[in-house]
Amino acid sequence: MAEEVNFICTACPQGCSLTVLMENGEVLGVTGNSCKKGLDYANAETSDPRRMVATTVKIRNGFHPLLPVYTERPVPKPMIPQVLAEIRKVELEAPVVMKSVVLENVLGTGINVLASRSMPAKG
C-alpha cells in the first residue's frame, strides 16, 4: 500500500512543501516542488538522508577552551550520534589553522572533520 511522506525542502530558499508518494521504500512520485532540486531532495531524503555535523572539540593552550569543527560533507543521518561520539574523543593543542583536518575519515565514511576557525595559542 502506498504511503505519503511530507517534507519541507531545504535545497533552495523557497522551502517548498513536498509530498512524496512511496511504496515498499520506493518513490512513486513527488509533488509540491517548484524546481528540480525538490525532486533530488525528496529522493535523497527518502533513500539516504544526510546532514552536516557542527560541534566543538577541546583545545589545550588555546585562546578559547573549545574549537568549533564541522564535517566537510554531510554524513548519513543514522550515524550522527556515533560521529559526535568520535569527535568528543578529540583534544587538540593550539595553535590550529582554520580548515585543518581535526579528524580524518571519521568512522570510515571518507569524510573529514575540519576546524571552523583558526585558534591561536594563549599569550
PDB file of N, CA and C in Angstrom:
ATOM      1  N   MET A   1       0.831  -1.178   0.000  1.00  0.00           N
ATOM      2  CA  MET A   1       0.000   0.000   0.000  1.00  0.00           C
ATOM      3  C   MET A   1       0.881   1.248   0.000  1.00  0.00           C
ATOM      4  N   ALA A   2       0.551   2.195  -0.820  1.00  0.00           N
ATOM      5  CA  ALA A   2       1.330   3.426  -0.946  1.00  0.00           C
ATOM      6  C   ALA A   2       1.093   4.316   0.270  1.00  0.00           C
ATOM      7  N   GLU A   3       2.141   5.047   0.653  1.00  0.00           N
ATOM      8  CA  GLU A   3       2.032   5.990   1.766  1.00  0.00           C
ATOM      9  C   GLU A   3       2.570   7.342   1.336  1.00  0.00           C
ATOM     10  N   GLU A   4       2.057   8.386   1.974  1.00  0.00           N
ATOM     11  CA  GLU A   4       2.520   9.745   1.708  1.00  0.00           C
ATOM     12  C   GLU A   4       3.465  10.183   2.819  1.00  0.00           C
ATOM     13  N   VAL A   5       4.568  10.808   2.419  1.00  0.00           N
ATOM     14  CA  VAL A   5       5.516  11.382   3.370  1.00  0.00           C
ATOM     15  C   VAL A   5       5.661  12.853   3.010  1.00  0.00           C
ATOM     16  N   ASN A   6       5.618  13.716   4.014  1.00  0.00           N
ATOM     17  CA  ASN A   6       5.715  15.159   3.776  1.00  0.00           C
ATOM     18  C   ASN A   6       7.043  15.708   4.266  1.00  0.00           C
ATOM     19  N   PHE A   7       7.626  16.596   3.464  1.00  0.00           N
ATOM     20  CA  PHE A   7       8.889  17.250   3.787  1.00  0.00           C
ATOM     21  C   PHE A   7       8.779  18.733   3.467  1.00  0.00           C
ATOM     22  N   ILE A   8       9.600  19.502   4.106  1.00  0.00           N
ATOM     23  CA  ILE A   8       9.830  20.874   3.661  1.00  0.00           C
ATOM     24  C   ILE A   8      11.213  20.846   3.028  1.00  0.00           C
ATOM     25  N   CYS A   9      11.287  21.177   1.777  1.00  0.00           N
ATOM     26  CA  CYS A   9      12.537  21.113   1.023  1.00  0.00           C
ATOM     27  C   CYS A   9      13.481  22.225   1.491  1.00  0.00           C
ATOM     28  N   THR A  10      14.732  21.855   1.711  1.00  0.00           N
ATOM     29  CA  THR A  10      15.747  22.833   2.119  1.00  0.00           C
ATOM     30  C   THR A  10      16.831  22.993   1.057  1.00  0.00           C
ATOM     31  N   ALA A  11      16.572  22.494  -0.151  1.00  0.00           N
ATOM     32  CA  ALA A  11      17.571  22.558  -1.214  1.00  0.00           C
ATOM     33  C   ALA A  11      17.761  23.969  -1.768  1.00  0.00           C
ATOM     34  N   CYS A  12      16.752  24.814  -1.623  1.00  0.00           N
ATOM     35  CA  CYS A  12      16.865  26.205  -2.058  1.00  0.00           C
ATOM     36  C   CYS A  12      16.058  27.079  -1.101  1.00  0.00           C
ATOM     37  N   PRO A  13      16.148  28.379  -1.201  1.00  0.00           N
ATOM     38  CA  PRO A  13      15.465  29.261  -0.239  1.00  0.00           C
ATOM     39  C   PRO A  13      13.931  29.249  -0.279  1.00  0.00           C
ATOM     40  N   GLN A  14      13.311  28.654  -1.309  1.00  0.00           N
ATOM     41  CA  GLN A  14      11.853  28.678  -1.399  1.00  0.00           C
ATOM     42  C   GLN A  14      11.161  27.868  -0.308  1.00  0.00           C
ATOM     43  N   GLY A  15      11.755  26.775   0.147  1.00  0.00           N
ATOM     44  CA  GLY A  15      11.162  25.961   1.206  1.00  0.00           C
ATOM     45  C   GLY A  15       9.833  25.346   0.824  1.00  0.00           C
ATOM     46  N   CYS A  16       9.786  24.699  -0.329  1.00  0.00           N
ATOM     47  CA  CYS A  16       8.544  24.092  -0.821  1.00  0.00           C
ATOM     48  C   CYS A  16       8.080  22.960   0.102  1.00  0.00           C
ATOM     49  N   SER A  17       6.772  22.814   0.225  1.00  0.00           N
ATOM     50  CA  SER A  17       6.181  21.690   0.955  1.00  0.00           C
ATOM     51  C   SER A  17       6.043  20.527  -0.020  1.00  0.00           C
ATOM     52  N   LEU A  18       6.822  19.496   0.195  1.00  0.00           N
ATOM     53  CA  LEU A  18       6.829  18.348  -0.709  1.00  0.00           C
ATOM     54  C   LEU A  18       5.958  17.239  -0.152  1.00  0.00           C
ATOM     55  N   THR A  19       5.256  16.558  -1.039  1.00  0.00           N
ATOM     56  CA  THR A  19       4.533  15.341  -0.705  1.00  0.00           C
ATOM     57  C   THR A  19       5.135  14.243  -1.557  1.00  0.00           C
ATOM     58  N   VAL A  20       5.632  13.211  -0.891  1.00  0.00           N
ATOM     59  CA  VAL A  20       6.282  12.102  -1.585  1.00  0.00           C
ATOM     60  C   VAL A  20       5.398  10.874  -1.431  1.00  0.00           C
ATOM     61  N   LEU A  21       5.028  10.285  -2.546  1.00  0.00           N
ATOM     62  CA  LEU A  21       4.242   9.057  -2.537  1.00  0.00           C
ATOM     63  C   LEU A  21       5.218   7.891  -2.641  1.00  0.00           C
ATOM     64  N   MET A  22       5.178   6.987  -1.643  1.00  0.00           N
ATOM     65  CA  MET A  22       6.131   5.875  -1.584  1.00  0.00           C
ATOM     66  C   MET A  22       5.401   4.551  -1.444  1.00  0.00           C
ATOM     67  N   GLU A  23       6.043   3.519  -1.995  1.00  0.00           N
ATOM     68  CA  GLU A  23       5.541   2.167  -1.802  1.00  0.00           C
ATOM     69  C   GLU A  23       6.743   1.232  -1.727  1.00  0.00           C
ATOM     70  N   ASN A  24       6.802   0.435  -0.674  1.00  0.00           N
ATOM     71  CA  ASN A  24       7.912  -0.505  -0.440  1.00  0.00           C
ATOM     72  C   ASN A  24       9.272   0.192  -0.498  1.00  0.00           C
ATOM     73  N   GLY A  25       9.361   1.392   0.074  1.00  0.00           N
ATOM     74  CA  GLY A  25      10.620   2.122   0.115  1.00  0.00           C
ATOM     75  C   GLY A  25      11.016   2.787  -1.189  1.00  0.00           C
ATOM     76  N   GLU A  26      10.164   2.721  -2.193  1.00  0.00           N
ATOM     77  CA  GLU A  26      10.462   3.319  -3.495  1.00  0.00           C
ATOM     78  C   GLU A  26       9.588   4.550  -3.730  1.00  0.00           C
ATOM     79  N   VAL A  27      10.207   5.600  -4.253  1.00  0.00           N
ATOM     80  CA  VAL A  27       9.476   6.836  -4.540  1.00  0.00           C
ATOM     81  C   VAL A  27       8.670   6.649  -5.820  1.00  0.00           C
ATOM     82  N   LEU A  28       7.360   6.851  -5.708  1.00  0.00           N
ATOM     83  CA  LEU A  28       6.480   6.749  -6.870  1.00  0.00           C
ATOM     84  C   LEU A  28       6.240   8.111  -7.507  1.00  0.00           C
ATOM     85  N   GLY A  29       6.277   9.156  -6.684  1.00  0.00           N
ATOM     86  CA  GLY A  29       6.044  10.490  -7.211  1.00  0.00           C
ATOM     87  C   GLY A  29       6.279  11.555  -6.162  1.00  0.00           C
ATOM     88  N   VAL A  30       6.578  12.756  -6.634  1.00  0.00           N
ATOM     89  CA  VAL A  30       6.821  13.903  -5.766  1.00  0.00           C
ATOM     90  C   VAL A  30       5.976  15.061  -6.279  1.00  0.00           C
ATOM     91  N   THR A  31       5.280  15.733  -5.367  1.00  0.00           N
ATOM     92  CA  THR A  31       4.519  16.921  -5.741  1.00  0.00           C
ATOM     93  C   THR A  31       4.869  18.052  -4.788  1.00  0.00           C
ATOM     94  N   GLY A  32       4.619  19.262  -5.242  1.00  0.00           N
ATOM     95  CA  GLY A  32       4.847  20.443  -4.410  1.00  0.00           C
ATOM     96  C   GLY A  32       6.155  21.152  -4.674  1.00  0.00           C
ATOM     97  N   ASN A  33       7.030  20.538  -5.447  1.00  0.00           N
ATOM     98  CA  ASN A  33       8.325  21.156  -5.726  1.00  0.00           C
ATOM     99  C   ASN A  33       8.197  22.206  -6.823  1.00  0.00           C
ATOM    100  N   SER A  34       8.941  23.306  -6.646  1.00  0.00           N
ATOM    101  CA  SER A  34       8.956  24.373  -7.654  1.00  0.00           C
ATOM    102  C   SER A  34      10.122  24.241  -8.627  1.00  0.00           C
ATOM    103  N   CYS A  35      11.080  23.371  -8.282  1.00  0.00           N
ATOM    104  CA  CYS A  35      12.257  23.204  -9.150  1.00  0.00           C
ATOM    105  C   CYS A  35      12.751  21.762  -9.065  1.00  0.00           C
ATOM    106  N   LYS A  36      13.700  21.432  -9.911  1.00  0.00           N
ATOM    107  CA  LYS A  36      14.259  20.078  -9.948  1.00  0.00           C
ATOM    108  C   LYS A  36      14.972  19.722  -8.651  1.00  0.00           C
ATOM    109  N   LYS A  37      15.511  20.727  -7.959  1.00  0.00           N
ATOM    110  CA  LYS A  37      16.194  20.462  -6.694  1.00  0.00           C
ATOM    111  C   LYS A  37      15.259  19.769  -5.708  1.00  0.00           C
ATOM    112  N   GLY A  38      13.978  20.090  -5.765  1.00  0.00           N
ATOM    113  CA  GLY A  38      12.999  19.457  -4.882  1.00  0.00           C
ATOM    114  C   GLY A  38      12.872  17.970  -5.141  1.00  0.00           C
ATOM    115  N   LEU A  39      12.913  17.574  -6.407  1.00  0.00           N
ATOM    116  CA  LEU A  39      12.873  16.148  -6.754  1.00  0.00           C
ATOM    117  C   LEU A  39      14.099  15.431  -6.212  1.00  0.00           C
ATOM    118  N   ASP A  40      15.264  16.023  -6.436  1.00  0.00           N
ATOM    119  CA  ASP A  40      16.509  15.429  -5.955  1.00  0.00           C
ATOM    120  C   ASP A  40      16.514  15.335  -4.434  1.00  0.00           C
ATOM    121  N   TYR A  41      16.048  16.400  -3.768  1.00  0.00           N
ATOM    122  CA  TYR A  41      15.996  16.426  -2.309  1.00  0.00           C
ATOM    123  C   TYR A  41      15.075  15.325  -1.787  1.00  0.00           C
ATOM    124  N   ALA A  42      13.894  15.186  -2.366  1.00  0.00           N
ATOM    125  CA  ALA A  42      12.936  14.174  -1.920  1.00  0.00           C
ATOM    126  C   ALA A  42      13.497  12.770  -2.091  1.00  0.00           C
ATOM    127  N   ASN A  43      14.137  12.507  -3.217  1.00  0.00           N
ATOM    128  CA  ASN A  43      14.732  11.187  -3.441  1.00  0.00           C
ATOM    129  C   ASN A  43      15.853  10.905  -2.449  1.00  0.00           C
ATOM    130  N   ALA A  44      16.710  11.882  -2.206  1.00  0.00           N
ATOM    131  CA  ALA A  44      17.813  11.697  -1.262  1.00  0.00           C
ATOM    132  C   ALA A  44      17.294  11.554   0.170  1.00  0.00           C
ATOM    133  N   GLU A  45      16.316  12.353   0.537  1.00  0.00           N
ATOM    134  CA  GLU A  45      15.794  12.340   1.902  1.00  0.00           C
ATOM    135  C   GLU A  45      15.072  11.028   2.225  1.00  0.00           C
ATOM    136  N   THR A  46      14.479  10.395   1.239  1.00  0.00           N
ATOM    137  CA  THR A  46      13.776   9.142   1.481  1.00  0.00           C
ATOM    138  C   THR A  46      14.685   7.924   1.382  1.00  0.00           C
ATOM    139  N   SER A  47      15.784   8.025   0.634  1.00  0.00           N
ATOM    140  CA  SER A  47      16.646   6.857   0.455  1.00  0.00           C
ATOM    141  C   SER A  47      17.920   6.908   1.301  1.00  0.00           C
ATOM    142  N   ASP A  48      18.516   8.085   1.476  1.00  0.00           N
ATOM    143  CA  ASP A  48      19.782   8.206   2.207  1.00  0.00           C
ATOM    144  C   ASP A  48      19.892   9.602   2.814  1.00  0.00           C
ATOM    145  N   PRO A  49      19.115   9.880   3.868  1.00  0.00           N
ATOM    146  CA  PRO A  49      19.169  11.218   4.454  1.00  0.00           C
ATOM    147  C   PRO A  49      20.544  11.492   5.066  1.00  0.00           C
ATOM    148  N   ARG A  50      21.062  12.686   4.806  1.00  0.00           N
ATOM    149  CA  ARG A  50      22.379  13.089   5.297  1.00  0.00           C
ATOM    150  C   ARG A  50      22.295  14.482   5.890  1.00  0.00           C
ATOM    151  N   ARG A  51      23.190  14.753   6.844  1.00  0.00           N
ATOM    152  CA  ARG A  51      23.237  16.060   7.487  1.00  0.00           C
ATOM    153  C   ARG A  51      24.678  16.460   7.749  1.00  0.00           C
ATOM    154  N   MET A  52      24.916  17.761   7.710  1.00  0.00           N
ATOM    155  CA  MET A  52      26.193  18.298   8.159  1.00  0.00           C
ATOM    156  C   MET A  52      26.207  18.208   9.683  1.00  0.00           C
ATOM    157  N   VAL A  53      27.386  18.022  10.248  1.00  0.00           N
ATOM    158  CA  VAL A  53      27.534  17.991  11.700  1.00  0.00           C
ATOM    159  C   VAL A  53      28.482  19.116  12.087  1.00  0.00           C
ATOM    160  N   ALA A  54      28.066  19.926  13.035  1.00  0.00           N
ATOM    161  CA  ALA A  54      28.903  21.005  13.567  1.00  0.00           C
ATOM    162  C   ALA A  54      28.872  20.917  15.085  1.00  0.00           C
ATOM    163  N   THR A  55      30.039  20.997  15.702  1.00  0.00           N
ATOM    164  CA  THR A  55      30.150  20.908  17.153  1.00  0.00           C
ATOM    165  C   THR A  55      31.461  21.557  17.586  1.00  0.00           C
ATOM    166  N   THR A  56      31.929  21.227  18.755  1.00  0.00           N
ATOM    167  CA  THR A  56      33.207  21.765  19.236  1.00  0.00           C
ATOM    168  C   THR A  56      34.068  20.642  19.791  1.00  0.00           C
ATOM    169  N   VAL A  57      35.382  20.882  19.842  1.00  0.00           N
ATOM    170  CA  VAL A  57      36.327  19.968  20.479  1.00  0.00           C
ATOM    171  C   VAL A  57      37.151  20.762  21.496  1.00  0.00           C
ATOM    172  N   LYS A  58      37.696  20.051  22.462  1.00  0.00           N
ATOM    173  CA  LYS A  58      38.552  20.691  23.458  1.00  0.00           C
ATOM    174  C   LYS A  58      39.877  21.060  22.816  1.00  0.00           C
ATOM    175  N   ILE A  59      40.434  22.179  23.257  1.00  0.00           N
ATOM    176  CA  ILE A  59      41.733  22.605  22.754  1.00  0.00           C
ATOM    177  C   ILE A  59      42.569  23.114  23.932  1.00  0.00           C
ATOM    178  N   ARG A  60      43.756  22.533  24.076  1.00  0.00           N
ATOM    179  CA  ARG A  60      44.666  22.924  25.147  1.00  0.00           C
ATOM    180  C   ARG A  60      45.490  24.129  24.714  1.00  0.00           C
ATOM    181  N   ASN A  61      45.746  25.011  25.651  1.00  0.00           N
ATOM    182  CA  ASN A  61      46.605  26.168  25.423  1.00  0.00           C
ATOM    183  C   ASN A  61      46.054  27.116  24.356  1.00  0.00           C
ATOM    184  N   GLY A  62      44.742  27.060  24.125  1.00  0.00           N
ATOM    185  CA  GLY A  62      44.134  27.926  23.124  1.00  0.00           C
ATOM    186  C   GLY A  62      43.610  29.207  23.724  1.00  0.00           C
ATOM    187  N   PHE A  63      43.377  30.181  22.882  1.00  0.00           N
ATOM    188  CA  PHE A  63      42.806  31.461  23.290  1.00  0.00           C
ATOM    189  C   PHE A  63      41.426  31.238  23.904  1.00  0.00           C
ATOM    190  N   HIS A  64      40.691  30.213  23.395  1.00  0.00           N
ATOM    191  CA  HIS A  64      39.408  29.776  23.944  1.00  0.00           C
ATOM    192  C   HIS A  64      39.538  28.298  24.291  1.00  0.00           C
ATOM    193  N   PRO A  65      38.693  27.767  25.185  1.00  0.00           N
ATOM    194  CA  PRO A  65      38.811  26.358  25.579  1.00  0.00           C
ATOM    195  C   PRO A  65      38.236  25.365  24.569  1.00  0.00           C
ATOM    196  N   LEU A  66      37.401  25.855  23.641  1.00  0.00           N
ATOM    197  CA  LEU A  66      36.774  24.979  22.653  1.00  0.00           C
ATOM    198  C   LEU A  66      37.006  25.513  21.243  1.00  0.00           C
ATOM    199  N   LEU A  67      37.135  24.592  20.296  1.00  0.00           N
ATOM    200  CA  LEU A  67      37.330  24.945  18.892  1.00  0.00           C
ATOM    201  C   LEU A  67      36.131  24.439  18.097  1.00  0.00           C
ATOM    202  N   PRO A  68      35.447  25.304  17.340  1.00  0.00           N
ATOM    203  CA  PRO A  68      34.338  24.820  16.513  1.00  0.00           C
ATOM    204  C   PRO A  68      34.857  23.995  15.329  1.00  0.00           C
ATOM    205  N   VAL A  69      34.152  22.893  15.050  1.00  0.00           N
ATOM    206  CA  VAL A  69      34.522  21.994  13.955  1.00  0.00           C
ATOM    207  C   VAL A  69      33.265  21.608  13.183  1.00  0.00           C
ATOM    208  N   TYR A  70      33.453  21.079  11.970  1.00  0.00           N
ATOM    209  CA  TYR A  70      32.327  20.651  11.137  1.00  0.00           C
ATOM    210  C   TYR A  70      32.779  19.550  10.196  1.00  0.00           C
ATOM    211  N   THR A  71      31.827  18.779   9.700  1.00  0.00           N
ATOM    212  CA  THR A  71      32.146  17.752   8.707  1.00  0.00           C
ATOM    213  C   THR A  71      32.245  18.420   7.339  1.00  0.00           C
ATOM    214  N   GLU A  72      33.194  17.968   6.537  1.00  0.00           N
ATOM    215  CA  GLU A  72      33.379  18.612   5.229  1.00  0.00           C
ATOM    216  C   GLU A  72      32.245  18.298   4.258  1.00  0.00           C
ATOM    217  N   ARG A  73      31.519  17.226   4.501  1.00  0.00           N
ATOM    218  CA  ARG A  73      30.340  16.861   3.702  1.00  0.00           C
ATOM    219  C   ARG A  73      29.285  16.283   4.646  1.00  0.00           C
ATOM    220  N   PRO A  74      28.048  16.221   4.217  1.00  0.00           N
ATOM    221  CA  PRO A  74      27.024  15.622   5.075  1.00  0.00           C
ATOM    222  C   PRO A  74      27.304  14.146   5.342  1.00  0.00           C
ATOM    223  N   VAL A  75      26.999  13.712   6.550  1.00  0.00           N
ATOM    224  CA  VAL A  75      27.157  12.303   6.935  1.00  0.00           C
ATOM    225  C   VAL A  75      25.782  11.645   6.974  1.00  0.00           C
ATOM    226  N   PRO A  76      25.726  10.314   6.832  1.00  0.00           N
ATOM    227  CA  PRO A  76      24.428   9.633   6.928  1.00  0.00           C
ATOM    228  C   PRO A  76      23.753   9.950   8.269  1.00  0.00           C
ATOM    229  N   LYS A  77      22.507  10.322   8.214  1.00  0.00           N
ATOM    230  CA  LYS A  77      21.770  10.756   9.404  1.00  0.00           C
ATOM    231  C   LYS A  77      21.812   9.731  10.548  1.00  0.00           C
ATOM    232  N   PRO A  78      21.670   8.422  10.285  1.00  0.00           N
ATOM    233  CA  PRO A  78      21.721   7.465  11.394  1.00  0.00           C
ATOM    234  C   PRO A  78      23.089   7.400  12.092  1.00  0.00           C
ATOM    235  N   MET A  79      24.144   7.874  11.440  1.00  0.00           N
ATOM    236  CA  MET A  79      25.494   7.817  12.015  1.00  0.00           C
ATOM    237  C   MET A  79      25.840   9.040  12.870  1.00  0.00           C
ATOM    238  N   ILE A  80      24.978  10.031  12.918  1.00  0.00           N
ATOM    239  CA  ILE A  80      25.311  11.271  13.624  1.00  0.00           C
ATOM    240  C   ILE A  80      25.712  11.028  15.085  1.00  0.00           C
ATOM    241  N   PRO A  81      24.988  10.224  15.867  1.00  0.00           N
ATOM    242  CA  PRO A  81      25.426  10.009  17.256  1.00  0.00           C
ATOM    243  C   PRO A  81      26.826   9.402  17.367  1.00  0.00           C
ATOM    244  N   GLN A  82      27.157   8.450  16.486  1.00  0.00           N
ATOM    245  CA  GLN A  82      28.485   7.832  16.509  1.00  0.00           C
ATOM    246  C   GLN A  82      29.562   8.834  16.083  1.00  0.00           C
ATOM    247  N   VAL A  83      29.241   9.667  15.087  1.00  0.00           N
ATOM    248  CA  VAL A  83      30.190  10.693  14.637  1.00  0.00           C
ATOM    249  C   VAL A  83      30.474  11.665  15.780  1.00  0.00           C
ATOM    250  N   LEU A  84      29.423  12.102  16.467  1.00  0.00           N
ATOM    251  CA  LEU A  84      29.609  13.014  17.598  1.00  0.00           C
ATOM    252  C   LEU A  84      30.429  12.361  18.709  1.00  0.00           C
ATOM    253  N   ALA A  85      30.210  11.075  18.956  1.00  0.00           N
ATOM    254  CA  ALA A  85      30.989  10.361  19.978  1.00  0.00           C
ATOM    255  C   ALA A  85      32.473  10.331  19.617  1.00  0.00           C
ATOM    256  N   GLU A  86      32.788  10.131  18.330  1.00  0.00           N
ATOM    257  CA  GLU A  86      34.189  10.130  17.889  1.00  0.00           C
ATOM    258  C   GLU A  86      34.807  11.516  18.020  1.00  0.00           C
ATOM    259  N   ILE A  87      34.041  12.534  17.645  1.00  0.00           N
ATOM    260  CA  ILE A  87      34.551  13.906  17.737  1.00  0.00           C
ATOM    261  C   ILE A  87      34.818  14.279  19.191  1.00  0.00           C
ATOM    262  N   ARG A  88      33.959  13.813  20.114  1.00  0.00           N
ATOM    263  CA  ARG A  88      34.146  14.123  21.542  1.00  0.00           C
ATOM    264  C   ARG A  88      35.464  13.585  22.093  1.00  0.00           C
ATOM    265  N   LYS A  89      36.039  12.572  21.471  1.00  0.00           N
ATOM    266  CA  LYS A  89      37.308  11.985  21.921  1.00  0.00           C
ATOM    267  C   LYS A  89      38.513  12.858  21.560  1.00  0.00           C
ATOM    268  N   VAL A  90      38.322  13.808  20.642  1.00  0.00           N
ATOM    269  CA  VAL A  90      39.425  14.628  20.135  1.00  0.00           C
ATOM    270  C   VAL A  90      39.762  15.741  21.114  1.00  0.00           C
ATOM    271  N   GLU A  91      41.050  15.918  21.368  1.00  0.00           N
ATOM    272  CA  GLU A  91      41.544  17.066  22.125  1.00  0.00           C
ATOM    273  C   GLU A  91      42.787  17.555  21.399  1.00  0.00           C
ATOM    274  N   LEU A  92      42.793  18.829  21.056  1.00  0.00           N
ATOM    275  CA  LEU A  92      43.861  19.407  20.250  1.00  0.00           C
ATOM    276  C   LEU A  92      44.771  20.293  21.080  1.00  0.00           C
ATOM    277  N   GLU A  93      45.903  20.631  20.514  1.00  0.00           N
ATOM    278  CA  GLU A  93      46.851  21.577  21.102  1.00  0.00           C
ATOM    279  C   GLU A  93      46.900  22.795  20.175  1.00  0.00           C
ATOM    280  N   ALA A  94      46.733  23.975  20.755  1.00  0.00           N
ATOM    281  CA  ALA A  94      46.814  25.220  19.972  1.00  0.00           C
ATOM    282  C   ALA A  94      48.264  25.467  19.587  1.00  0.00           C
ATOM    283  N   PRO A  95      48.522  26.122  18.490  1.00  0.00           N
ATOM    284  CA  PRO A  95      47.605  26.755  17.555  1.00  0.00           C
ATOM    285  C   PRO A  95      47.047  25.768  16.523  1.00  0.00           C
ATOM    286  N   VAL A  96      45.865  26.104  15.999  1.00  0.00           N
ATOM    287  CA  VAL A  96      45.209  25.333  14.936  1.00  0.00           C
ATOM    288  C   VAL A  96      44.802  26.320  13.851  1.00  0.00           C
ATOM    289  N   VAL A  97      44.982  25.919  12.601  1.00  0.00           N
ATOM    290  CA  VAL A  97      44.642  26.768  11.460  1.00  0.00           C
ATOM    291  C   VAL A  97      43.270  26.368  10.920  1.00  0.00           C
ATOM    292  N   MET A  98      42.454  27.362  10.564  1.00  0.00           N
ATOM    293  CA  MET A  98      41.127  27.126  10.008  1.00  0.00           C
ATOM    294  C   MET A  98      41.188  26.166   8.819  1.00  0.00           C
ATOM    295  N   LYS A  99      40.220  25.274   8.747  1.00  0.00           N
ATOM    296  CA  LYS A  99      40.051  24.251   7.710  1.00  0.00           C
ATOM    297  C   LYS A  99      41.077  23.131   7.791  1.00  0.00           C
ATOM    298  N   SER A 100      41.885  23.085   8.864  1.00  0.00           N
ATOM    299  CA  SER A 100      42.788  21.950   9.008  1.00  0.00           C
ATOM    300  C   SER A 100      41.985  20.734   9.457  1.00  0.00           C
ATOM    301  N   VAL A 101      42.455  19.542   9.087  1.00  0.00           N
ATOM    302  CA  VAL A 101      41.758  18.305   9.413  1.00  0.00           C
ATOM    303  C   VAL A 101      41.953  18.008  10.896  1.00  0.00           C
ATOM    304  N   VAL A 102      40.842  17.902  11.599  1.00  0.00           N
ATOM    305  CA  VAL A 102      40.839  17.615  13.030  1.00  0.00           C
ATOM    306  C   VAL A 102      40.673  16.117  13.258  1.00  0.00           C
ATOM    307  N   LEU A 103      39.879  15.469  12.419  1.00  0.00           N
ATOM    308  CA  LEU A 103      39.639  14.034  12.496  1.00  0.00           C
ATOM    309  C   LEU A 103      39.478  13.530  11.070  1.00  0.00           C
ATOM    310  N   GLU A 104      40.367  12.657  10.659  1.00  0.00           N
ATOM    311  CA  GLU A 104      40.371  12.174   9.280  1.00  0.00           C
ATOM    312  C   GLU A 104      39.476  10.947   9.123  1.00  0.00           C
ATOM    313  N   ASN A 105      38.716  10.910   8.038  1.00  0.00           N
ATOM    314  CA  ASN A 105      37.919   9.741   7.653  1.00  0.00           C
ATOM    315  C   ASN A 105      37.094   9.208   8.830  1.00  0.00           C
ATOM    316  N   VAL A 106      36.276  10.063   9.404  1.00  0.00           N
ATOM    317  CA  VAL A 106      35.519   9.693  10.599  1.00  0.00           C
ATOM    318  C   VAL A 106      34.668   8.453  10.337  1.00  0.00           C
ATOM    319  N   LEU A 107      34.864   7.435  11.159  1.00  0.00           N
ATOM    320  CA  LEU A 107      34.136   6.166  11.097  1.00  0.00           C
ATOM    321  C   LEU A 107      34.168   5.505   9.721  1.00  0.00           C
ATOM    322  N   GLY A 108      35.235   5.719   8.976  1.00  0.00           N
ATOM    323  CA  GLY A 108      35.385   5.090   7.666  1.00  0.00           C
ATOM    324  C   GLY A 108      34.443   5.631   6.603  1.00  0.00           C
ATOM    325  N   THR A 109      33.888   6.819   6.818  1.00  0.00           N
ATOM    326  CA  THR A 109      32.940   7.407   5.862  1.00  0.00           C
ATOM    327  C   THR A 109      33.639   8.100   4.698  1.00  0.00           C
ATOM    328  N   GLY A 110      34.944   8.352   4.832  1.00  0.00           N
ATOM    329  CA  GLY A 110      35.656   9.137   3.828  1.00  0.00           C
ATOM    330  C   GLY A 110      35.457  10.631   4.036  1.00  0.00           C
ATOM    331  N   ILE A 111      34.824  11.002   5.143  1.00  0.00           N
ATOM    332  CA  ILE A 111      34.524  12.400   5.438  1.00  0.00           C
ATOM    333  C   ILE A 111      35.413  12.871   6.583  1.00  0.00           C
ATOM    334  N   ASN A 112      36.085  13.991   6.372  1.00  0.00           N
ATOM    335  CA  ASN A 112      36.952  14.562   7.402  1.00  0.00           C
ATOM    336  C   ASN A 112      36.195  15.582   8.240  1.00  0.00           C
ATOM    337  N   VAL A 113      36.657  15.762   9.468  1.00  0.00           N
ATOM    338  CA  VAL A 113      36.141  16.810  10.340  1.00  0.00           C
ATOM    339  C   VAL A 113      37.176  17.924  10.316  1.00  0.00           C
ATOM    340  N   LEU A 114      36.733  19.159  10.034  1.00  0.00           N
ATOM    341  CA  LEU A 114      37.626  20.301   9.846  1.00  0.00           C
ATOM    342  C   LEU A 114      37.428  21.365  10.917  1.00  0.00           C
ATOM    343  N   ALA A 115      38.473  22.139  11.165  1.00  0.00           N
ATOM    344  CA  ALA A 115      38.384  23.277  12.078  1.00  0.00           C
ATOM    345  C   ALA A 115      37.609  24.403  11.400  1.00  0.00           C
ATOM    346  N   SER A 116      36.646  24.982  12.115  1.00  0.00           N
ATOM    347  CA  SER A 116      35.845  26.082  11.561  1.00  0.00           C
ATOM    348  C   SER A 116      36.550  27.411  11.611  1.00  0.00           C
ATOM    349  N   ARG A 117      37.567  27.525  12.456  1.00  0.00           N
ATOM    350  CA  ARG A 117      38.290  28.781  12.594  1.00  0.00           C
ATOM    351  C   ARG A 117      39.709  28.477  13.040  1.00  0.00           C
ATOM    352  N   SER A 118      40.554  29.463  12.927  1.00  0.00           N
ATOM    353  CA  SER A 118      41.911  29.333  13.471  1.00  0.00           C
ATOM    354  C   SER A 118      41.848  29.609  14.960  1.00  0.00           C
ATOM    355  N   MET A 119      42.732  28.976  15.718  1.00  0.00           N
ATOM    356  CA  MET A 119      42.804  29.204  17.147  1.00  0.00           C
ATOM    357  C   MET A 119      44.253  29.411  17.546  1.00  0.00           C
ATOM    358  N   PRO A 120      44.593  30.657  17.897  1.00  0.00           N
ATOM    359  CA  PRO A 120      45.960  30.932  18.334  1.00  0.00           C
ATOM    360  C   PRO A 120      46.203  30.352  19.738  1.00  0.00           C
ATOM    361  N   ALA A 121      47.459  30.191  20.057  1.00  0.00           N
ATOM    362  CA  ALA A 121      47.827  29.774  21.413  1.00  0.00           C
ATOM    363  C   ALA A 121      47.727  30.975  22.347  1.00  0.00           C
ATOM    364  N   LYS A 122      47.533  30.691  23.629  1.00  0.00           N
ATOM    365  CA  LYS A 122      47.496  31.766  24.641  1.00  0.00           C
ATOM    366  C   LYS A 122      48.833  32.489  24.694  1.00  0.00           C
ATOM    367  N   GLY A 123      48.721  33.745  25.029  1.00  0.00           N
ATOM    368  CA  GLY A 123      49.936  34.501  25.326  1.00  0.00           C
ATOM    369  C   GLY A 123      50.610  35.010  24.178  1.00  0.00           C
TER     370      GLY A 123
END
